[in-house]
Amino acid sequence: MQTILRRHDVEKLTGLARSTIYAKISSGEFPKPVKITGRSVGWLETEITNWQKACIANRDREAA
């Protein structure tokens, strides 16, 4: 079973503001949320972790 994170938790984990998260989703740079209920969404923790790892890998490639 996968853990679903609510937006507030995603903001804390990534350091991104709500508007930045949704802008990055629109541009395809951030994982899309999953619908939990009618108006509630969340993000799979594994997808957020993978996104963070990709950001670190990009940083390391650029530094090399």
PDB file of N, CA and C in Angstrom:
ATOM      1  N   MET A   1       0.830  -1.180   0.000  1.00  0.00           N
ATOM      2  CA  MET A   1       0.000   0.000   0.000  1.00  0.00           C
ATOM      3  C   MET A   1       0.880   1.250   0.000  1.00  0.00           C
ATOM      4  N   GLN A   2       0.475   2.240  -0.746  1.00  0.00           N
ATOM      5  CA  GLN A   2       1.248   3.468  -0.851  1.00  0.00           C
ATOM      6  C   GLN A   2       0.657   4.562   0.020  1.00  0.00           C
ATOM      7  N   THR A   3       1.546   5.423   0.498  1.00  0.00           N
ATOM      8  CA  THR A   3       1.119   6.546   1.313  1.00  0.00           C
ATOM      9  C   THR A   3       0.753   7.719   0.420  1.00  0.00           C
ATOM     10  N   ILE A   4      -0.379   8.337   0.712  1.00  0.00           N
ATOM     11  CA  ILE A   4      -0.814   9.525  -0.023  1.00  0.00           C
ATOM     12  C   ILE A   4      -0.583  10.738   0.872  1.00  0.00           C
ATOM     13  N   LEU A   5       0.111  11.712   0.343  1.00  0.00           N
ATOM     14  CA  LEU A   5       0.415  12.939   1.066  1.00  0.00           C
ATOM     15  C   LEU A   5      -0.535  14.042   0.644  1.00  0.00           C
ATOM     16  N   ARG A   6      -1.014  14.795   1.602  1.00  0.00           N
ATOM     17  CA  ARG A   6      -1.839  15.957   1.299  1.00  0.00           C
ATOM     18  C   ARG A   6      -0.934  17.125   0.920  1.00  0.00           C
ATOM     19  N   ARG A   7      -1.513  18.150   0.324  1.00  0.00           N
ATOM     20  CA  ARG A   7      -0.742  19.271  -0.216  1.00  0.00           C
ATOM     21  C   ARG A   7       0.152  19.925   0.825  1.00  0.00           C
ATOM     22  N   HIS A   8      -0.357  20.117   2.015  1.00  0.00           N
ATOM     23  CA  HIS A   8       0.442  20.748   3.073  1.00  0.00           C
ATOM     24  C   HIS A   8       1.723  19.951   3.339  1.00  0.00           C
ATOM     25  N   ASP A   9       1.592  18.629   3.366  1.00  0.00           N
ATOM     26  CA  ASP A   9       2.760  17.775   3.585  1.00  0.00           C
ATOM     27  C   ASP A   9       3.729  17.857   2.410  1.00  0.00           C
ATOM     28  N   VAL A  10       3.193  17.919   1.195  1.00  0.00           N
ATOM     29  CA  VAL A  10       4.041  18.043   0.004  1.00  0.00           C
ATOM     30  C   VAL A  10       4.790  19.378   0.035  1.00  0.00           C
ATOM     31  N   GLU A  11       4.112  20.437   0.447  1.00  0.00           N
ATOM     32  CA  GLU A  11       4.770  21.743   0.560  1.00  0.00           C
ATOM     33  C   GLU A  11       5.921  21.676   1.557  1.00  0.00           C
ATOM     34  N   LYS A  12       5.699  21.027   2.709  1.00  0.00           N
ATOM     35  CA  LYS A  12       6.748  20.922   3.720  1.00  0.00           C
ATOM     36  C   LYS A  12       7.921  20.074   3.230  1.00  0.00           C
ATOM     37  N   LEU A  13       7.630  18.979   2.546  1.00  0.00           N
ATOM     38  CA  LEU A  13       8.692  18.087   2.071  1.00  0.00           C
ATOM     39  C   LEU A  13       9.533  18.700   0.957  1.00  0.00           C
ATOM     40  N   THR A  14       8.887  19.461   0.085  1.00  0.00           N
ATOM     41  CA  THR A  14       9.590  19.992  -1.084  1.00  0.00           C
ATOM     42  C   THR A  14      10.091  21.412  -0.897  1.00  0.00           C
ATOM     43  N   GLY A  15       9.485  22.151   0.032  1.00  0.00           N
ATOM     44  CA  GLY A  15       9.830  23.561   0.196  1.00  0.00           C
ATOM     45  C   GLY A  15       9.186  24.450  -0.856  1.00  0.00           C
ATOM     46  N   LEU A  16       8.261  23.889  -1.628  1.00  0.00           N
ATOM     47  CA  LEU A  16       7.597  24.654  -2.682  1.00  0.00           C
ATOM     48  C   LEU A  16       6.268  25.206  -2.188  1.00  0.00           C
ATOM     49  N   ALA A  17       5.915  26.374  -2.685  1.00  0.00           N
ATOM     50  CA  ALA A  17       4.615  26.968  -2.382  1.00  0.00           C
ATOM     51  C   ALA A  17       3.536  26.295  -3.235  1.00  0.00           C
ATOM     52  N   ARG A  18       2.300  26.436  -2.806  1.00  0.00           N
ATOM     53  CA  ARG A  18       1.179  25.839  -3.534  1.00  0.00           C
ATOM     54  C   ARG A  18       1.160  26.266  -4.994  1.00  0.00           C
ATOM     55  N   SER A  19       1.327  27.555  -5.242  1.00  0.00           N
ATOM     56  CA  SER A  19       1.273  28.049  -6.618  1.00  0.00           C
ATOM     57  C   SER A  19       2.397  27.458  -7.461  1.00  0.00           C
ATOM     58  N   THR A  20       3.559  27.268  -6.872  1.00  0.00           N
ATOM     59  CA  THR A  20       4.693  26.683  -7.602  1.00  0.00           C
ATOM     60  C   THR A  20       4.429  25.224  -7.917  1.00  0.00           C
ATOM     61  N   ILE A  21       3.868  24.506  -6.968  1.00  0.00           N
ATOM     62  CA  ILE A  21       3.533  23.094  -7.203  1.00  0.00           C
ATOM     63  C   ILE A  21       2.598  22.967  -8.399  1.00  0.00           C
ATOM     64  N   TYR A  22       1.536  23.767  -8.413  1.00  0.00           N
ATOM     65  CA  TYR A  22       0.572  23.654  -9.510  1.00  0.00           C
ATOM     66  C   TYR A  22       1.136  24.166 -10.837  1.00  0.00           C
ATOM     67  N   ALA A  23       2.010  25.149 -10.790  1.00  0.00           N
ATOM     68  CA  ALA A  23       2.665  25.608 -12.024  1.00  0.00           C
ATOM     69  C   ALA A  23       3.558  24.512 -12.584  1.00  0.00           C
ATOM     70  N   LYS A  24       4.289  23.829 -11.713  1.00  0.00           N
ATOM     71  CA  LYS A  24       5.164  22.742 -12.165  1.00  0.00           C
ATOM     72  C   LYS A  24       4.355  21.549 -12.673  1.00  0.00           C
ATOM     73  N   ILE A  25       3.206  21.295 -12.080  1.00  0.00           N
ATOM     74  CA  ILE A  25       2.333  20.232 -12.585  1.00  0.00           C
ATOM     75  C   ILE A  25       1.879  20.582 -13.996  1.00  0.00           C
ATOM     76  N   SER A  26       1.475  21.836 -14.201  1.00  0.00           N
ATOM     77  CA  SER A  26       1.004  22.273 -15.525  1.00  0.00           C
ATOM     78  C   SER A  26       2.084  22.147 -16.587  1.00  0.00           C
ATOM     79  N   SER A  27       3.338  22.385 -16.196  1.00  0.00           N
ATOM     80  CA  SER A  27       4.434  22.310 -17.162  1.00  0.00           C
ATOM     81  C   SER A  27       5.025  20.905 -17.270  1.00  0.00           C
ATOM     82  N   GLY A  28       4.478  19.958 -16.515  1.00  0.00           N
ATOM     83  CA  GLY A  28       4.962  18.581 -16.574  1.00  0.00           C
ATOM     84  C   GLY A  28       6.216  18.332 -15.770  1.00  0.00           C
ATOM     85  N   GLU A  29       6.572  19.244 -14.873  1.00  0.00           N
ATOM     86  CA  GLU A  29       7.800  19.125 -14.085  1.00  0.00           C
ATOM     87  C   GLU A  29       7.582  18.545 -12.697  1.00  0.00           C
ATOM     88  N   PHE A  30       6.362  18.202 -12.355  1.00  0.00           N
ATOM     89  CA  PHE A  30       6.057  17.729 -11.003  1.00  0.00           C
ATOM     90  C   PHE A  30       4.970  16.667 -11.108  1.00  0.00           C
ATOM     91  N   PRO A  31       4.987  15.668 -10.222  1.00  0.00           N
ATOM     92  CA  PRO A  31       3.962  14.611 -10.283  1.00  0.00           C
ATOM     93  C   PRO A  31       2.550  15.167 -10.139  1.00  0.00           C
ATOM     94  N   LYS A  32       1.638  14.578 -10.878  1.00  0.00           N
ATOM     95  CA  LYS A  32       0.230  14.968 -10.800  1.00  0.00           C
ATOM     96  C   LYS A  32      -0.398  14.353  -9.547  1.00  0.00           C
ATOM     97  N   PRO A  33      -1.341  15.066  -8.956  1.00  0.00           N
ATOM     98  CA  PRO A  33      -2.019  14.512  -7.780  1.00  0.00           C
ATOM     99  C   PRO A  33      -3.029  13.438  -8.186  1.00  0.00           C
ATOM    100  N   VAL A  34      -3.417  12.649  -7.200  1.00  0.00           N
ATOM    101  CA  VAL A  34      -4.479  11.661  -7.395  1.00  0.00           C
ATOM    102  C   VAL A  34      -5.710  12.137  -6.636  1.00  0.00           C
ATOM    103  N   LYS A  35      -6.869  11.900  -7.193  1.00  0.00           N
ATOM    104  CA  LYS A  35      -8.117  12.312  -6.549  1.00  0.00           C
ATOM    105  C   LYS A  35      -8.429  11.342  -5.419  1.00  0.00           C
ATOM    106  N   ILE A  36      -8.688  11.888  -4.245  1.00  0.00           N
ATOM    107  CA  ILE A  36      -9.026  11.071  -3.083  1.00  0.00           C
ATOM    108  C   ILE A  36     -10.540  11.015  -2.926  1.00  0.00           C
ATOM    109  N   THR A  37     -11.161  12.194  -2.927  1.00  0.00           N
ATOM    110  CA  THR A  37     -12.623  12.290  -2.887  1.00  0.00           C
ATOM    111  C   THR A  37     -13.019  13.386  -3.862  1.00  0.00           C
ATOM    112  N   GLY A  38     -14.249  13.807  -3.822  1.00  0.00           N
ATOM    113  CA  GLY A  38     -14.742  14.815  -4.759  1.00  0.00           C
ATOM    114  C   GLY A  38     -13.850  16.030  -4.927  1.00  0.00           C
ATOM    115  N   ARG A  39     -13.430  16.634  -3.826  1.00  0.00           N
ATOM    116  CA  ARG A  39     -12.617  17.847  -3.910  1.00  0.00           C
ATOM    117  C   ARG A  39     -11.234  17.692  -3.283  1.00  0.00           C
ATOM    118  N   SER A  40     -10.892  16.506  -2.858  1.00  0.00           N
ATOM    119  CA  SER A  40      -9.613  16.275  -2.188  1.00  0.00           C
ATOM    120  C   SER A  40      -8.642  15.549  -3.100  1.00  0.00           C
ATOM    121  N   VAL A  41      -7.399  16.018  -3.086  1.00  0.00           N
ATOM    122  CA  VAL A  41      -6.350  15.352  -3.845  1.00  0.00           C
ATOM    123  C   VAL A  41      -5.151  15.122  -2.928  1.00  0.00           C
ATOM    124  N   GLY A  42      -4.280  14.256  -3.378  1.00  0.00           N
ATOM    125  CA  GLY A  42      -3.044  13.983  -2.663  1.00  0.00           C
ATOM    126  C   GLY A  42      -2.008  13.475  -3.646  1.00  0.00           C
ATOM    127  N   TRP A  43      -0.801  13.331  -3.186  1.00  0.00           N
ATOM    128  CA  TRP A  43       0.301  12.871  -4.026  1.00  0.00           C
ATOM    129  C   TRP A  43       0.862  11.593  -3.436  1.00  0.00           C
ATOM    130  N   LEU A  44       1.248  10.673  -4.304  1.00  0.00           N
ATOM    131  CA  LEU A  44       1.887   9.456  -3.834  1.00  0.00           C
ATOM    132  C   LEU A  44       3.274   9.810  -3.294  1.00  0.00           C
ATOM    133  N   GLU A  45       3.549   9.355  -2.085  1.00  0.00           N
ATOM    134  CA  GLU A  45       4.824   9.665  -1.451  1.00  0.00           C
ATOM    135  C   GLU A  45       5.996   9.186  -2.307  1.00  0.00           C
ATOM    136  N   THR A  46       5.850   8.028  -2.945  1.00  0.00           N
ATOM    137  CA  THR A  46       6.929   7.499  -3.774  1.00  0.00           C
ATOM    138  C   THR A  46       7.222   8.413  -4.966  1.00  0.00           C
ATOM    139  N   GLU A  47       6.187   9.010  -5.539  1.00  0.00           N
ATOM    140  CA  GLU A  47       6.389   9.914  -6.677  1.00  0.00           C
ATOM    141  C   GLU A  47       7.092  11.198  -6.243  1.00  0.00           C
ATOM    142  N   ILE A  48       6.769  11.697  -5.053  1.00  0.00           N
ATOM    143  CA  ILE A  48       7.441  12.891  -4.544  1.00  0.00           C
ATOM    144  C   ILE A  48       8.904  12.565  -4.249  1.00  0.00           C
ATOM    145  N   THR A  49       9.154  11.415  -3.644  1.00  0.00           N
ATOM    146  CA  THR A  49      10.528  10.995  -3.352  1.00  0.00           C
ATOM    147  C   THR A  49      11.328  10.839  -4.641  1.00  0.00           C
ATOM    148  N   ASN A  50      10.727  10.234  -5.655  1.00  0.00           N
ATOM    149  CA  ASN A  50      11.418  10.067  -6.942  1.00  0.00           C
ATOM    150  C   ASN A  50      11.697  11.414  -7.592  1.00  0.00           C
ATOM    151  N   TRP A  51      10.766  12.355  -7.476  1.00  0.00           N
ATOM    152  CA  TRP A  51      10.971  13.699  -8.018  1.00  0.00           C
ATOM    153  C   TRP A  51      12.148  14.371  -7.319  1.00  0.00           C
ATOM    154  N   GLN A  52      12.216  14.239  -5.992  1.00  0.00           N
ATOM    155  CA  GLN A  52      13.322  14.820  -5.238  1.00  0.00           C
ATOM    156  C   GLN A  52      14.654  14.200  -5.662  1.00  0.00           C
ATOM    157  N   LYS A  53      14.677  12.884  -5.828  1.00  0.00           N
ATOM    158  CA  LYS A  53      15.902  12.201  -6.263  1.00  0.00           C
ATOM    159  C   LYS A  53      16.328  12.684  -7.643  1.00  0.00           C
ATOM    160  N   ALA A  54      15.369  12.905  -8.538  1.00  0.00           N
ATOM    161  CA  ALA A  54      15.694  13.401  -9.879  1.00  0.00           C
ATOM    162  C   ALA A  54      16.267  14.813  -9.814  1.00  0.00           C
ATOM    163  N   CYS A  55      15.740  15.652  -8.931  1.00  0.00           N
ATOM    164  CA  CYS A  55      16.275  17.013  -8.759  1.00  0.00           C
ATOM    165  C   CYS A  55      17.725  16.951  -8.286  1.00  0.00           C
ATOM    166  N   ILE A  56      18.007  16.067  -7.354  1.00  0.00           N
ATOM    167  CA  ILE A  56      19.368  15.912  -6.838  1.00  0.00           C
ATOM    168  C   ILE A  56      20.292  15.395  -7.936  1.00  0.00           C
ATOM    169  N   ALA A  57      19.824  14.421  -8.711  1.00  0.00           N
ATOM    170  CA  ALA A  57      20.636  13.873  -9.800  1.00  0.00           C
ATOM    171  C   ALA A  57      20.935  14.948 -10.845  1.00  0.00           C
ATOM    172  N   ASN A  58      19.947  15.790 -11.169  1.00  0.00           N
ATOM    173  CA  ASN A  58      20.174  16.878 -12.127  1.00  0.00           C
ATOM    174  C   ASN A  58      21.205  17.853 -11.590  1.00  0.00           C
ATOM    175  N   ARG A  59      21.108  18.179 -10.310  1.00  0.00           N
ATOM    176  CA  ARG A  59      22.085  19.080  -9.690  1.00  0.00           C
ATOM    177  C   ARG A  59      23.496  18.495  -9.788  1.00  0.00           C
ATOM    178  N   ASP A  60      23.617  17.211  -9.503  1.00  0.00           N
ATOM    179  CA  ASP A  60      24.918  16.568  -9.514  1.00  0.00           C
ATOM    180  C   ASP A  60      25.490  16.482 -10.940  1.00  0.00           C
ATOM    181  N   ARG A  61      24.624  16.252 -11.926  1.00  0.00           N
ATOM    182  CA  ARG A  61      25.080  16.210 -13.327  1.00  0.00           C
ATOM    183  C   ARG A  61      25.571  17.577 -13.766  1.00  0.00           C
ATOM    184  N   GLU A  62      24.846  18.611 -13.375  1.00  0.00           N
ATOM    185  CA  GLU A  62      25.230  19.967 -13.759  1.00  0.00           C
ATOM    186  C   GLU A  62      26.533  20.395 -13.088  1.00  0.00           C
ATOM    187  N   ALA A  63      26.790  19.886 -11.885  1.00  0.00           N
ATOM    188  CA  ALA A  63      28.006  20.245 -11.156  1.00  0.00           C
ATOM    189  C   ALA A  63      29.232  19.525 -11.720  1.00  0.00           C
ATOM    190  N   ALA A  64      29.000  18.406 -12.371  1.00  0.00           N
ATOM    191  CA  ALA A  64      30.124  17.603 -12.878  1.00  0.00           C
ATOM    192  C   ALA A  64      30.706  18.156 -14.168  1.00  0.00           C
TER     193      ALA A  64
END
